[in-house]
Protein backbone atom coordinates (compact mmCIF):
# COMPACT_ATOMS: atom_id res chain seq x y z
CA UNK A 1 -70.90 25.54 -30.80
CA UNK A 2 -67.62 26.99 -32.10
CA UNK A 3 -66.22 23.49 -32.79
CA UNK A 4 -69.38 22.64 -34.73
CA UNK A 5 -69.02 25.75 -36.91
CA UNK A 6 -65.37 24.92 -37.60
CA UNK A 7 -66.34 21.37 -38.62
CA UNK A 8 -69.03 22.72 -40.95
CA UNK A 9 -66.52 25.15 -42.46
CA UNK A 10 -64.11 22.30 -43.13
CA UNK A 11 -66.87 20.28 -44.79
CA UNK A 12 -67.88 23.22 -46.98
CA UNK A 13 -64.25 23.92 -47.89
CA UNK A 14 -63.69 20.25 -48.77
CA UNK A 15 -66.84 20.18 -50.89
CA UNK A 16 -65.84 23.34 -52.78
CA UNK A 17 -62.33 21.99 -53.41
CA UNK A 18 -63.78 18.73 -54.69
CA UNK A 19 -66.13 20.60 -57.02
CA UNK A 20 -63.24 22.73 -58.30
CA UNK A 21 -61.18 19.60 -58.95
CA UNK A 22 -64.02 17.96 -60.88
CA UNK A 23 -64.44 21.10 -62.98
CA UNK A 24 -60.70 21.17 -63.81
CA UNK A 25 -60.78 17.49 -64.70
CA UNK A 26 -63.69 18.03 -67.03
CA UNK A 27 -61.66 20.80 -68.66
CA UNK A 28 -58.65 18.56 -69.31
CA UNK A 29 -60.93 15.84 -70.66
CA UNK A 30 -62.38 18.39 -73.07
CA UNK A 31 -58.88 19.64 -73.95
CA UNK A 32 -57.81 16.13 -74.97
CA UNK A 33 -61.00 15.62 -76.98
CA UNK A 34 -60.12 18.82 -78.84
CA UNK A 35 -56.56 17.55 -79.37
CA UNK A 36 -57.59 14.00 -80.30
CA UNK A 37 -57.31 14.35 -84.10
CA UNK A 38 -53.88 15.95 -83.78
CA UNK A 39 -52.77 13.28 -81.31
CA UNK A 40 -53.88 10.51 -83.66
CA UNK A 41 -52.00 12.17 -86.53
CA UNK A 42 -48.85 12.45 -84.38
CA UNK A 43 -49.16 8.82 -83.27
CA UNK A 44 -49.62 7.66 -86.87
CA UNK A 45 -46.57 9.62 -88.01
CA UNK A 46 -44.42 8.01 -85.30
CA UNK A 47 -45.97 4.60 -86.10
CA UNK A 48 -45.05 5.00 -89.77
CA UNK A 49 -41.51 6.20 -88.98
CA UNK A 50 -40.90 3.18 -86.68
CA UNK A 51 -37.41 4.22 -85.56
CA UNK A 52 -35.27 2.09 -83.27
CA UNK A 53 -33.08 3.00 -80.28
CA UNK A 54 -31.29 6.38 -80.51
CA UNK A 55 -32.35 6.74 -84.17
CA UNK A 56 -35.78 8.27 -83.47
CA UNK A 57 -35.16 11.60 -85.24
CA UNK A 58 -38.57 11.90 -86.96
CA UNK A 59 -40.45 10.66 -83.89
CA UNK A 60 -38.62 12.99 -81.52
CA UNK A 61 -38.98 16.02 -83.75
CA UNK A 62 -42.70 15.35 -84.28
CA UNK A 63 -43.28 15.52 -80.52
CA UNK A 64 -40.94 18.51 -80.13
CA UNK A 65 -42.80 20.47 -82.81
CA UNK A 66 -46.14 19.82 -81.08
CA UNK A 67 -44.72 20.86 -77.70
CA UNK A 68 -43.29 24.08 -79.14
CA UNK A 69 -46.53 24.85 -80.99
CA UNK A 70 -48.29 24.66 -77.63
CA UNK A 71 -45.94 27.09 -75.90
CA UNK A 72 -43.54 24.72 -74.13
CA UNK A 73 -39.90 25.62 -73.58
CA UNK A 74 -38.01 22.68 -75.11
CA UNK A 75 -34.43 21.64 -74.32
CA UNK A 76 -33.30 19.35 -77.12
CA UNK A 77 -30.46 16.84 -77.20
CA UNK A 78 -30.23 16.53 -73.43
CA UNK A 79 -27.90 14.00 -71.75
CA UNK A 80 -25.71 13.90 -74.89
CA UNK A 81 -28.58 12.18 -76.69
CA UNK A 82 -29.79 13.80 -79.94
CA UNK A 83 -33.34 12.39 -79.64
CA UNK A 84 -33.86 13.07 -75.91
CA UNK A 85 -35.59 16.27 -74.80
CA UNK A 86 -37.44 17.97 -71.95
CA UNK A 87 -40.44 20.24 -72.61
CA UNK A 88 -41.40 22.52 -69.71
CA UNK A 89 -44.12 25.06 -68.96
CA UNK A 90 -44.88 27.15 -65.88
CA UNK A 91 -42.86 28.10 -62.81
CA UNK A 92 -42.54 27.15 -59.19
CA UNK A 93 -43.86 24.11 -57.37
CA UNK A 94 -45.24 21.57 -57.59
CA UNK A 95 -43.12 20.29 -60.46
CA UNK A 96 -44.95 17.36 -62.03
CA UNK A 97 -43.29 15.30 -64.74
CA UNK A 98 -44.66 12.88 -67.29
CA UNK A 99 -42.68 10.33 -69.32
CA UNK A 100 -43.00 9.72 -73.05
CA UNK A 101 -41.36 6.96 -75.09
CA UNK A 102 -41.29 6.67 -78.88
CA UNK A 103 -38.83 3.98 -80.03
CA UNK A 104 -39.78 0.93 -82.11
CA UNK A 105 -38.53 -2.67 -82.20
CA UNK A 106 -36.43 -4.25 -84.98
CA UNK A 107 -38.01 -6.72 -87.39
CA UNK A 108 -41.69 -6.03 -86.66
CA UNK A 109 -42.77 -4.08 -89.74
CA UNK A 110 -46.54 -4.41 -90.10
CA UNK A 111 -49.52 -2.74 -91.77
CA UNK A 112 -52.71 -2.03 -89.82
CA UNK A 113 -54.22 -5.38 -90.85
CA UNK A 114 -55.35 -8.27 -88.60
CA UNK A 115 -52.95 -10.73 -90.24
CA UNK A 116 -49.20 -10.68 -90.68
CA UNK A 117 -48.57 -8.18 -93.46
CA UNK A 118 -45.27 -6.25 -93.21
CA UNK A 119 -44.61 -3.01 -95.07
CA UNK A 120 -41.12 -4.39 -95.65
CA UNK A 121 -39.89 -7.66 -94.18
CA UNK A 122 -37.24 -7.08 -91.52
CA UNK A 123 -37.98 -3.40 -90.96
CA UNK A 124 -38.89 -2.08 -87.48
CA UNK A 125 -42.39 -1.73 -86.05
CA UNK A 126 -44.06 -0.41 -82.89
CA UNK A 127 -44.56 -3.78 -81.19
CA UNK A 128 -44.76 -2.16 -77.75
CA UNK A 129 -47.07 0.71 -78.65
CA UNK A 130 -44.59 3.51 -78.03
CA UNK A 131 -46.10 5.56 -80.87
CA UNK A 132 -49.14 5.81 -78.57
CA UNK A 133 -47.13 6.19 -75.35
CA UNK A 134 -45.27 9.44 -75.99
CA UNK A 135 -48.22 10.98 -77.82
CA UNK A 136 -50.74 10.39 -75.02
CA UNK A 137 -48.33 11.72 -72.39
CA UNK A 138 -47.67 14.90 -74.35
CA UNK A 139 -51.40 15.40 -74.91
CA UNK A 140 -51.90 15.25 -71.14
CA UNK A 141 -49.05 17.71 -70.57
CA UNK A 142 -50.62 20.15 -73.06
CA UNK A 143 -53.98 19.94 -71.25
CA UNK A 144 -52.24 20.81 -67.96
CA UNK A 145 -50.23 23.58 -69.61
CA UNK A 146 -53.51 25.19 -70.70
CA UNK A 147 -54.71 25.31 -67.09
CA UNK A 148 -51.43 26.86 -65.92
CA UNK A 149 -51.59 29.42 -68.73
CA UNK A 150 -55.15 30.35 -67.74
CA UNK A 151 -54.11 30.80 -64.09
CA UNK A 152 -56.36 27.96 -62.87
CA UNK A 153 -53.49 25.97 -61.35
CA UNK A 154 -49.95 26.90 -60.34
CA UNK A 155 -46.67 25.10 -60.79
CA UNK A 156 -44.55 23.52 -63.53
CA UNK A 157 -45.29 20.65 -65.91
CA UNK A 158 -42.44 18.76 -67.59
CA UNK A 159 -42.73 16.30 -70.46
CA UNK A 160 -39.74 13.99 -70.91
CA UNK A 161 -39.01 12.68 -74.38
CA UNK A 162 -37.15 9.48 -73.51
CA UNK A 163 -35.56 7.45 -76.35
CA UNK A 164 -34.17 3.92 -76.58
CA UNK A 165 -36.29 2.22 -73.90
CA UNK A 166 -36.31 -1.06 -75.81
CA UNK A 167 -32.56 -1.59 -75.99
CA UNK A 168 -30.11 0.79 -74.37
CA UNK A 169 -32.48 2.34 -71.76
CA UNK A 170 -32.07 6.03 -72.55
CA UNK A 171 -33.54 7.24 -69.24
CA UNK A 172 -30.35 6.06 -67.51
CA UNK A 173 -28.28 8.82 -69.12
CA UNK A 174 -31.05 11.35 -68.43
CA UNK A 175 -31.05 10.24 -64.79
CA UNK A 176 -27.26 10.56 -64.65
CA UNK A 177 -27.64 14.17 -65.81
CA UNK A 178 -30.02 14.82 -62.90
CA UNK A 179 -32.94 15.68 -65.18
CA UNK A 180 -35.52 14.07 -62.86
CA UNK A 181 -34.06 15.33 -59.58
CA UNK A 182 -36.30 18.39 -59.13
CA UNK A 183 -39.63 16.62 -59.68
CA UNK A 184 -42.24 16.23 -56.94
CA UNK A 185 -44.08 13.42 -58.73
CA UNK A 186 -43.75 11.79 -62.15
CA UNK A 187 -46.48 10.08 -64.18
CA UNK A 188 -46.10 7.22 -66.62
CA UNK A 189 -48.28 4.80 -68.57
CA UNK A 190 -47.92 1.87 -70.93
CA UNK A 191 -50.09 0.32 -73.64
CA UNK A 192 -51.50 -3.10 -72.77
CA UNK A 193 -54.49 -5.43 -73.15
CA UNK A 194 -56.25 -4.08 -70.06
CA UNK A 195 -56.97 -0.76 -68.36
CA UNK A 196 -55.93 -0.32 -64.75
CA UNK A 197 -53.94 1.70 -62.25
CA UNK A 198 -50.54 0.01 -62.30
CA UNK A 199 -49.29 -0.68 -58.78
CA UNK A 200 -46.94 -3.54 -59.65
CA UNK A 201 -43.17 -3.68 -59.75
CA UNK A 202 -41.08 -4.88 -62.69
CA UNK A 203 -37.87 -6.88 -63.06
CA UNK A 204 -34.39 -5.49 -62.48
CA UNK A 205 -32.12 -6.21 -65.43
CA UNK A 206 -28.49 -6.10 -66.48
CA UNK A 207 -27.47 -6.12 -70.10
CA UNK A 208 -23.95 -7.01 -71.33
CA UNK A 209 -21.89 -8.26 -74.26
CA UNK A 210 -19.26 -11.03 -74.18
CA UNK A 211 -16.75 -11.30 -77.04
CA UNK A 212 -14.26 -14.17 -77.54
CA UNK A 213 -11.02 -13.85 -79.55
CA UNK A 214 -9.18 -16.91 -80.87
CA UNK A 215 -6.95 -17.91 -83.79
CA UNK A 216 -8.26 -18.65 -87.29
CA UNK A 217 -7.11 -21.75 -89.17
CA UNK A 218 -8.22 -24.07 -91.98
CA UNK A 219 -10.96 -26.23 -90.50
CA UNK A 220 -9.76 -29.33 -92.37
CA UNK A 221 -6.08 -28.87 -93.33
CA UNK A 222 -4.73 -27.68 -89.97
CA UNK A 223 -7.45 -27.21 -87.34
CA UNK A 224 -4.84 -27.93 -84.63
CA UNK A 225 -3.40 -24.49 -85.38
CA UNK A 226 -6.74 -22.83 -84.60
CA UNK A 227 -8.27 -21.72 -81.32
CA UNK A 228 -12.00 -21.51 -81.78
CA UNK A 229 -13.88 -18.50 -80.46
CA UNK A 230 -17.03 -20.42 -81.36
CA UNK A 231 -16.00 -23.26 -79.02
CA UNK A 232 -15.74 -20.72 -76.21
CA UNK A 233 -19.17 -19.36 -77.03
CA UNK A 234 -20.72 -22.84 -76.99
CA UNK A 235 -19.05 -23.64 -73.68
CA UNK A 236 -20.34 -20.36 -72.30
CA UNK A 237 -23.95 -20.98 -73.32
CA UNK A 238 -23.70 -24.53 -71.95
CA UNK A 239 -22.60 -23.06 -68.61
CA UNK A 240 -25.51 -20.60 -68.59
CA UNK A 241 -28.03 -23.33 -69.42
CA UNK A 242 -26.68 -25.69 -66.76
CA UNK A 243 -26.90 -22.83 -64.24
CA UNK A 244 -30.63 -22.30 -64.90
CA UNK A 245 -31.49 -25.27 -62.67
CA UNK A 246 -29.79 -23.61 -59.71
CA UNK A 247 -31.33 -20.13 -59.70
CA UNK A 248 -34.54 -18.97 -58.05
CA UNK A 249 -37.79 -19.15 -60.06
CA UNK A 250 -37.93 -15.34 -60.30
CA UNK A 251 -34.63 -15.19 -62.23
CA UNK A 252 -34.55 -14.89 -66.01
CA UNK A 253 -31.41 -15.40 -68.14
CA UNK A 254 -31.54 -14.98 -71.89
CA UNK A 255 -29.09 -14.41 -74.69
CA UNK A 256 -28.71 -13.73 -78.39
CA UNK A 257 -25.76 -15.21 -80.31
CA UNK A 258 -24.75 -12.36 -82.59
CA UNK A 259 -21.64 -13.85 -84.23
CA UNK A 260 -20.34 -17.43 -84.15
CA UNK A 261 -18.19 -17.51 -87.28
CA UNK A 262 -18.77 -16.75 -90.94
CA UNK A 263 -18.07 -19.94 -92.90
CA UNK A 264 -17.87 -23.64 -92.11
CA UNK A 265 -14.31 -24.28 -93.34
CA UNK A 266 -12.58 -21.73 -91.08
CA UNK A 267 -11.93 -22.13 -87.38
CA UNK A 268 -13.60 -18.91 -86.18
CA UNK A 269 -11.37 -16.40 -84.43
CA UNK A 270 -14.24 -14.22 -83.16
CA UNK A 271 -17.62 -14.74 -81.50
CA UNK A 272 -20.06 -12.46 -79.73
CA UNK A 273 -23.07 -12.99 -77.46
CA UNK A 274 -25.53 -10.51 -75.94
CA UNK A 275 -26.76 -11.57 -72.47
CA UNK A 276 -29.45 -10.34 -70.07
CA UNK A 277 -30.03 -11.33 -66.46
CA UNK A 278 -33.20 -10.33 -64.58
CA UNK A 279 -34.78 -10.79 -61.18
CA UNK A 280 -37.56 -9.15 -59.21
CA UNK A 281 -35.11 -6.96 -57.30
CA UNK A 282 -31.63 -5.60 -57.99
CA UNK A 283 -30.31 -7.39 -54.90
CA UNK A 284 -31.43 -10.76 -56.28
CA UNK A 285 -30.18 -10.06 -59.80
CA UNK A 286 -26.65 -9.01 -58.80
CA UNK A 287 -25.23 -12.37 -57.60
CA UNK A 288 -26.64 -14.16 -60.64
CA UNK A 289 -25.13 -11.51 -62.90
CA UNK A 290 -21.73 -11.86 -61.22
CA UNK A 291 -21.84 -15.64 -61.67
CA UNK A 292 -22.85 -15.50 -65.33
CA UNK A 293 -20.21 -12.84 -65.98
CA UNK A 294 -17.51 -15.04 -64.36
CA UNK A 295 -18.50 -18.00 -66.56
CA UNK A 296 -17.10 -16.16 -69.59
CA UNK A 297 -13.61 -16.36 -68.16
CA UNK A 298 -14.03 -20.08 -67.57
CA UNK A 299 -15.21 -20.64 -71.14
CA UNK A 300 -12.23 -18.67 -72.47
CA UNK A 301 -9.79 -20.78 -70.42
CA UNK A 302 -11.36 -24.03 -71.64
CA UNK A 303 -11.14 -22.95 -75.30
CA UNK A 304 -7.70 -21.34 -74.89
CA UNK A 305 -8.93 -17.97 -76.15
CA UNK A 306 -9.27 -14.48 -74.67
CA UNK A 307 -12.49 -12.66 -73.91
CA UNK A 308 -13.87 -9.14 -73.40
CA UNK A 309 -16.78 -8.04 -71.23
CA UNK A 310 -18.78 -4.88 -72.08
CA UNK A 311 -21.59 -3.54 -69.90
CA UNK A 312 -24.46 -2.15 -71.99
CA UNK A 313 -26.57 -0.95 -69.06
CA UNK A 314 -28.58 -2.13 -66.08
CA UNK A 315 -31.93 -1.02 -64.72
CA UNK A 316 -33.77 -1.11 -61.40
CA UNK A 317 -37.12 -2.66 -60.70
CA UNK A 318 -40.04 -0.23 -60.39
CA UNK A 319 -40.94 1.09 -56.95
CA UNK A 320 -44.76 0.94 -57.03
CA UNK A 321 -46.87 3.67 -55.46
CA UNK A 322 -50.32 2.73 -54.20
CA UNK A 323 -51.21 6.23 -53.01
CA UNK A 324 -50.80 7.46 -56.56
CA UNK A 325 -52.49 4.32 -57.87
CA UNK A 326 -55.58 5.09 -55.81
CA UNK A 327 -55.81 8.53 -57.45
CA UNK A 328 -55.42 6.96 -60.90
CA UNK A 329 -58.12 4.41 -60.03
CA UNK A 330 -60.68 7.09 -59.14
CA UNK A 331 -59.99 8.94 -62.37
CA UNK A 332 -60.29 5.81 -64.51
CA UNK A 333 -63.61 5.02 -62.85
CA UNK A 334 -64.79 8.59 -63.50
CA UNK A 335 -63.91 8.18 -67.19
CA UNK A 336 -65.61 4.79 -67.46
CA UNK A 337 -64.97 1.91 -69.82
CA UNK A 338 -63.57 2.14 -73.35
CA UNK A 339 -66.30 1.22 -75.82
CA UNK A 340 -65.68 -0.54 -79.15
CA UNK A 341 -67.53 -0.80 -82.44
CA UNK A 342 -68.48 -4.08 -84.09
CA UNK A 343 -65.77 -3.62 -86.73
CA UNK A 344 -63.16 -3.14 -83.98
CA UNK A 345 -64.35 -6.32 -82.26
CA UNK A 346 -64.11 -8.22 -85.54
CA UNK A 347 -60.56 -6.88 -86.02
CA UNK A 348 -59.74 -8.14 -82.52
CA UNK A 349 -61.14 -11.62 -83.22
CA UNK A 350 -59.04 -11.86 -86.38
CA UNK A 351 -55.92 -10.81 -84.46
CA UNK A 352 -56.62 -13.50 -81.87
CA UNK A 353 -57.26 -16.10 -84.55
CA UNK A 354 -54.01 -15.21 -86.34
CA UNK A 355 -51.98 -15.39 -83.11
CA UNK A 356 -53.75 -18.58 -81.93
CA UNK A 357 -55.32 -16.97 -78.88
CA UNK A 358 -58.88 -17.50 -77.53
CA UNK A 359 -61.34 -15.27 -79.37
CA UNK A 360 -62.29 -13.13 -76.37
CA UNK A 361 -62.37 -9.72 -78.04
CA UNK A 362 -61.16 -6.53 -76.36
CA UNK A 363 -61.33 -5.68 -72.67
CA UNK A 364 -62.01 -1.98 -72.22
CA UNK A 365 -63.38 -2.33 -68.69
CA UNK A 366 -61.72 -0.56 -65.78
CA UNK A 367 -60.11 -3.14 -63.53
CA UNK A 368 -60.30 -2.77 -59.74
CA UNK A 369 -57.13 -1.74 -57.94
CA UNK A 370 -55.11 -4.92 -57.48
CA UNK A 371 -52.96 -6.01 -54.59
CA UNK A 372 -49.29 -5.11 -55.09
CA UNK A 373 -47.53 -8.45 -55.62
CA UNK A 374 -44.03 -9.25 -54.41
CA UNK A 375 -43.13 -11.17 -57.60
CA UNK A 376 -45.52 -10.19 -60.41
CA UNK A 377 -43.21 -11.32 -63.23
CA UNK A 378 -43.36 -9.51 -66.55
CA UNK A 379 -40.73 -7.39 -68.20
CA UNK A 380 -38.28 -4.62 -67.37
CA UNK A 381 -38.18 -0.89 -68.01
CA UNK A 382 -35.89 2.05 -67.34
CA UNK A 383 -38.88 3.71 -65.67
CA UNK A 384 -37.62 1.69 -62.70
CA UNK A 385 -34.60 3.98 -62.37
CA UNK A 386 -36.79 7.07 -62.43
CA UNK A 387 -38.93 5.49 -59.68
CA UNK A 388 -35.87 5.38 -57.38
CA UNK A 389 -35.33 9.13 -57.89
CA UNK A 390 -38.90 10.45 -57.67
CA UNK A 391 -42.31 8.87 -56.93
CA UNK A 392 -43.72 7.45 -60.18
CA UNK A 393 -47.49 7.00 -60.60
CA UNK A 394 -48.48 4.63 -63.41
CA UNK A 395 -51.37 3.21 -65.43
CA UNK A 396 -52.02 0.74 -68.22
CA UNK A 397 -54.55 1.33 -71.00
CA UNK A 398 -56.07 -1.13 -73.47
CA UNK A 399 -54.57 -0.73 -76.93
CA UNK A 400 -54.79 -4.35 -78.16
CA UNK A 401 -57.12 -7.38 -77.84
CA UNK A 402 -57.05 -9.77 -74.86
CA UNK A 403 -53.98 -12.02 -74.87
CA UNK A 404 -52.21 -10.29 -77.75
CA UNK A 405 -48.53 -11.33 -77.77
CA UNK A 406 -46.53 -8.24 -76.86
CA UNK A 407 -43.49 -7.28 -78.95
CA UNK A 408 -45.23 -8.80 -81.94
CA UNK A 409 -46.67 -7.72 -85.30
CA UNK A 410 -50.16 -7.90 -83.75
CA UNK A 411 -49.45 -5.00 -81.40
CA UNK A 412 -48.06 -3.00 -84.32
CA UNK A 413 -51.28 -3.58 -86.28
CA UNK A 414 -53.51 -2.40 -83.41
CA UNK A 415 -51.32 0.64 -82.72
CA UNK A 416 -51.92 1.89 -86.26
CA UNK A 417 -55.73 1.86 -86.09
CA UNK A 418 -58.66 2.86 -83.90
CA UNK A 419 -58.23 0.23 -81.15
CA UNK A 420 -54.83 1.69 -80.30
CA UNK A 421 -56.01 5.26 -80.79
CA UNK A 422 -58.92 4.85 -78.36
CA UNK A 423 -56.64 3.50 -75.64
CA UNK A 424 -54.18 6.32 -76.25
CA UNK A 425 -56.83 9.04 -75.84
CA UNK A 426 -58.24 7.32 -72.74
CA UNK A 427 -54.77 7.14 -71.18
CA UNK A 428 -54.13 10.78 -71.98
CA UNK A 429 -57.30 11.81 -70.16
CA UNK A 430 -56.59 9.69 -67.09
CA UNK A 431 -53.02 11.03 -66.91
CA UNK A 432 -54.17 14.64 -67.20
CA UNK A 433 -56.84 14.14 -64.54
CA UNK A 434 -54.30 12.65 -62.15
CA UNK A 435 -51.94 15.54 -62.84
CA UNK A 436 -54.77 17.87 -61.82
CA UNK A 437 -54.84 15.97 -58.51
CA UNK A 438 -51.10 16.44 -58.07
CA UNK A 439 -51.31 20.18 -58.78
CA UNK A 440 -54.30 20.85 -56.52
CA UNK A 441 -54.08 18.35 -53.65
CA UNK A 442 -51.01 18.92 -51.48
CA UNK A 443 -52.08 16.17 -49.08
CA UNK A 444 -52.08 13.62 -51.91
CA UNK A 445 -48.59 14.68 -53.04
CA UNK A 446 -47.34 14.38 -49.46
CA UNK A 447 -48.86 10.90 -49.18
CA UNK A 448 -47.29 9.81 -52.49
CA UNK A 449 -43.89 11.11 -51.34
CA UNK A 450 -44.20 9.46 -47.94
CA UNK A 451 -44.86 6.06 -49.52
CA UNK A 452 -41.92 6.58 -51.90
CA UNK A 453 -39.56 7.26 -49.01
CA UNK A 454 -40.80 4.23 -47.09
CA UNK A 455 -40.40 1.86 -50.05
CA UNK A 456 -36.97 3.21 -50.96
CA UNK A 457 -35.71 3.16 -47.37
CA UNK A 458 -32.00 3.84 -46.93
CA UNK A 459 -31.08 2.68 -50.44
CA UNK A 460 -28.90 5.18 -52.30
CA UNK A 461 -29.70 5.22 -55.99
CA UNK A 462 -26.83 4.74 -58.42
CA UNK A 463 -27.43 4.08 -62.09
CA UNK A 464 -25.81 1.05 -63.71
CA UNK A 465 -24.46 2.66 -66.85
CA UNK A 466 -21.02 2.71 -68.51
CA UNK A 467 -18.92 5.86 -68.32
CA UNK A 468 -19.08 8.23 -71.26
CA UNK A 469 -21.90 9.19 -73.62
CA UNK A 470 -24.77 6.91 -74.66
CA UNK A 471 -23.93 4.35 -77.37
CA UNK A 472 -25.32 6.45 -80.22
CA UNK A 473 -25.05 4.69 -83.57
CA UNK A 474 -24.22 1.29 -82.09
CA UNK A 475 -26.17 -1.83 -83.01
């Protein structure tokens, strides 16, 4: 009889806790609805500013001002980075973090029109939706801060303003400063063309510059007196391209020739190439990187020039977390699908027509939780490094039509109008709801941490970043 009463008590306690959690989630949903106009204004301001890596002064300050206006304690210019900051509220544990990015991409200037229409040709644009990213995350943090302030939950919420994700990977310097070390769990999201709990990994990446130095000479009168840095560069790229046949299918090698000489009648004495190597895991990337790096010396010997290697940075693959993904999934399903108007669907069809994609419209449906794949492909992100320090729980939200080419003008266009705004608000709600779970469900946090430890194993995290401060002001 006693055992039966204890069981009933547990059931009642579980039911009451579940009801309390639902009530708190409804409150954060309402909080974000109240904030929605402000969030859209913030997103539009960052979208218009469209600032690239380590130059995001307007974007950073716009988010900082909103955080301060909502009572957060803000530490600006962290990790020797003027545009990086941490906004905190509350005290004690759990300490739950949330990431926010806000940098744009070069050359993608675009108005909010469904055809290519730059504000100014060659200027930057938000081709990865980071104007939406940082804004949604901060909106979620504000909703949680309100609950802490009202005494409805206990602990600390931290919003991380993380610059330069697209090029230099600003989170690396923040990680080196230990800014993520005290977190229990960290949340993250990214704009996309679907809405789902993200339980996939990403690609590890290393980013470096090779420069060749030769001897200038007249290209016709006395070319025998020259030693061509451009010859070395061509030999180097030939080596890389021949090597592609002999790497695993998961490997990616790409480069950008930044300088190969200025005029045709001078043997060039300087050349420069920017190279990236990727693979599904750091351990697979490293030998390919070492080989491609060594090829530069060979090219320099063949061309009788000297060379210089400069590491930009390197990032880890993401450690996925299915325990956290399951919590995200439940909250997305509670929210339901994103609905679109006829004018938004017509905008989407025009985007797809302009980018030569099937006219399938927009997918605002919540996807089921997918299997975690060993080699999902895709891109790279410095969120991977954070995920080797603390468990990171992630989601994707629809901010563009189906099949939209990412890092393109089409994403910029959608991020400046209602399609992007709807996805941003939806993401903000799902993030806030999942943060409620992390603040109120100690068993869930323990499960998330346990999975993190198992996936990380004995690996000791060490960031792949040059000594000294971040490359502020460098192209």
